[in-house]
């Protein structure tokens, strides 16, 4: 079934304590190539039938109005899942 992927991240000026905790743990586990981590959220919206421009527009609206908190988060992307499009 076709899916739309919505990715949401904290705004750059918002502290990200989970990201900081992950960043400080990575070197202890041998991952020394990363200088910082920001943790976000991913939503997968399943659609019955074909994804039309109207459905994609509806997903963008849902992302902005319900799936994210616009005070502290940015919607990074709303896209059709490539695996389902192929």
C-alpha atoms as a PDB file:
ATOM      1  CA  UNK A   1       0.000   0.000   0.000  1.00  0.00           C
ATOM      2  CA  UNK A   2       1.301   3.464  -0.807  1.00  0.00           C
ATOM      3  CA  UNK A   3       2.767   5.504   2.045  1.00  0.00           C
ATOM      4  CA  UNK A   4       3.572   9.129   2.658  1.00  0.00           C
ATOM      5  CA  UNK A   5       6.553   9.834   4.917  1.00  0.00           C
ATOM      6  CA  UNK A   6       6.494  12.916   7.160  1.00  0.00           C
ATOM      7  CA  UNK A   7       9.710  13.935   8.948  1.00  0.00           C
ATOM      8  CA  UNK A   8       9.664  16.396  11.839  1.00  0.00           C
ATOM      9  CA  UNK A   9      12.697  17.837  13.668  1.00  0.00           C
ATOM     10  CA  UNK A  10      13.137  20.210  16.604  1.00  0.00           C
ATOM     11  CA  UNK A  11      13.815  23.798  15.511  1.00  0.00           C
ATOM     12  CA  UNK A  12      17.565  24.570  15.554  1.00  0.00           C
ATOM     13  CA  UNK A  13      17.200  26.966  18.511  1.00  0.00           C
ATOM     14  CA  UNK A  14      15.405  24.347  20.648  1.00  0.00           C
ATOM     15  CA  UNK A  15      17.512  22.221  22.989  1.00  0.00           C
ATOM     16  CA  UNK A  16      17.500  18.528  22.138  1.00  0.00           C
ATOM     17  CA  UNK A  17      18.339  16.571  25.317  1.00  0.00           C
ATOM     18  CA  UNK A  18      17.787  13.175  23.649  1.00  0.00           C
ATOM     19  CA  UNK A  19      20.130  14.116  20.830  1.00  0.00           C
ATOM     20  CA  UNK A  20      22.760  15.306  23.328  1.00  0.00           C
ATOM     21  CA  UNK A  21      22.478  12.038  25.294  1.00  0.00           C
ATOM     22  CA  UNK A  22      22.928  10.009  22.111  1.00  0.00           C
ATOM     23  CA  UNK A  23      25.881  12.167  21.018  1.00  0.00           C
ATOM     24  CA  UNK A  24      27.636  11.654  24.343  1.00  0.00           C
ATOM     25  CA  UNK A  25      27.026   7.878  24.275  1.00  0.00           C
ATOM     26  CA  UNK A  26      28.269   7.268  20.728  1.00  0.00           C
ATOM     27  CA  UNK A  27      32.027   7.638  21.487  1.00  0.00           C
ATOM     28  CA  UNK A  28      31.702   5.197  24.397  1.00  0.00           C
ATOM     29  CA  UNK A  29      30.384   2.637  21.912  1.00  0.00           C
ATOM     30  CA  UNK A  30      33.220   3.239  19.447  1.00  0.00           C
ATOM     31  CA  UNK A  31      31.410   5.650  17.124  1.00  0.00           C
ATOM     32  CA  UNK A  32      33.797   8.609  17.053  1.00  0.00           C
ATOM     33  CA  UNK A  33      32.982  10.114  13.643  1.00  0.00           C
ATOM     34  CA  UNK A  34      29.945  12.122  14.774  1.00  0.00           C
ATOM     35  CA  UNK A  35      30.123  15.531  16.445  1.00  0.00           C
ATOM     36  CA  UNK A  36      26.429  16.053  17.218  1.00  0.00           C
ATOM     37  CA  UNK A  37      23.019  14.395  17.005  1.00  0.00           C
ATOM     38  CA  UNK A  38      19.517  15.827  16.611  1.00  0.00           C
ATOM     39  CA  UNK A  39      16.628  13.432  17.167  1.00  0.00           C
ATOM     40  CA  UNK A  40      13.395  13.888  15.270  1.00  0.00           C
ATOM     41  CA  UNK A  41      10.248  11.972  14.457  1.00  0.00           C
ATOM     42  CA  UNK A  42       9.050  10.095  11.375  1.00  0.00           C
ATOM     43  CA  UNK A  43       5.421   9.395  10.530  1.00  0.00           C
ATOM     44  CA  UNK A  44       4.244   6.891   7.909  1.00  0.00           C
ATOM     45  CA  UNK A  45       0.797   7.630   6.512  1.00  0.00           C
ATOM     46  CA  UNK A  46      -0.685   4.675   4.599  1.00  0.00           C
ATOM     47  CA  UNK A  47      -3.087   5.450   1.779  1.00  0.00           C
ATOM     48  CA  UNK A  48      -5.754   3.196   0.268  1.00  0.00           C
ATOM     49  CA  UNK A  49      -5.308   3.580  -3.476  1.00  0.00           C
ATOM     50  CA  UNK A  50      -3.160   5.979  -5.467  1.00  0.00           C
ATOM     51  CA  UNK A  51      -1.496   9.007  -3.872  1.00  0.00           C
ATOM     52  CA  UNK A  52      -2.842  12.061  -5.685  1.00  0.00           C
ATOM     53  CA  UNK A  53      -1.744  15.694  -5.390  1.00  0.00           C
ATOM     54  CA  UNK A  54      -4.855  16.290  -3.261  1.00  0.00           C
ATOM     55  CA  UNK A  55      -3.868  13.527  -0.817  1.00  0.00           C
ATOM     56  CA  UNK A  56      -0.286  14.826  -0.688  1.00  0.00           C
ATOM     57  CA  UNK A  57      -1.594  18.338   0.021  1.00  0.00           C
ATOM     58  CA  UNK A  58      -3.772  16.911   2.787  1.00  0.00           C
ATOM     59  CA  UNK A  59      -0.705  15.176   4.281  1.00  0.00           C
ATOM     60  CA  UNK A  60       1.208  18.492   4.222  1.00  0.00           C
ATOM     61  CA  UNK A  61      -1.653  20.178   6.059  1.00  0.00           C
ATOM     62  CA  UNK A  62      -1.845  17.364   8.618  1.00  0.00           C
ATOM     63  CA  UNK A  63       1.935  17.584   9.117  1.00  0.00           C
ATOM     64  CA  UNK A  64       1.794  21.322   9.771  1.00  0.00           C
ATOM     65  CA  UNK A  65      -1.351  21.337  11.923  1.00  0.00           C
ATOM     66  CA  UNK A  66      -1.311  18.028  13.810  1.00  0.00           C
ATOM     67  CA  UNK A  67       1.853  15.966  13.426  1.00  0.00           C
ATOM     68  CA  UNK A  68       4.182  18.771  14.468  1.00  0.00           C
ATOM     69  CA  UNK A  69       4.222  21.430  17.139  1.00  0.00           C
ATOM     70  CA  UNK A  70       5.031  24.579  15.106  1.00  0.00           C
ATOM     71  CA  UNK A  71       6.321  26.385  18.191  1.00  0.00           C
ATOM     72  CA  UNK A  72       9.226  23.972  18.688  1.00  0.00           C
ATOM     73  CA  UNK A  73       9.351  21.793  15.541  1.00  0.00           C
ATOM     74  CA  UNK A  74       9.815  22.120  11.790  1.00  0.00           C
ATOM     75  CA  UNK A  75       8.287  19.808   9.197  1.00  0.00           C
ATOM     76  CA  UNK A  76      11.372  18.756   7.247  1.00  0.00           C
ATOM     77  CA  UNK A  77       9.714  16.752   4.493  1.00  0.00           C
ATOM     78  CA  UNK A  78       6.447  15.280   3.289  1.00  0.00           C
ATOM     79  CA  UNK A  79       7.118  12.785   0.507  1.00  0.00           C
ATOM     80  CA  UNK A  80       5.887   9.613  -1.122  1.00  0.00           C
ATOM     81  CA  UNK A  81       7.803   6.554   0.119  1.00  0.00           C
ATOM     82  CA  UNK A  82      10.206   5.621  -2.706  1.00  0.00           C
ATOM     83  CA  UNK A  83       9.919   1.888  -1.984  1.00  0.00           C
ATOM     84  CA  UNK A  84       6.165   2.014  -2.547  1.00  0.00           C
ATOM     85  CA  UNK A  85       6.422   4.210  -5.631  1.00  0.00           C
ATOM     86  CA  UNK A  86       8.599   1.683  -7.468  1.00  0.00           C
END
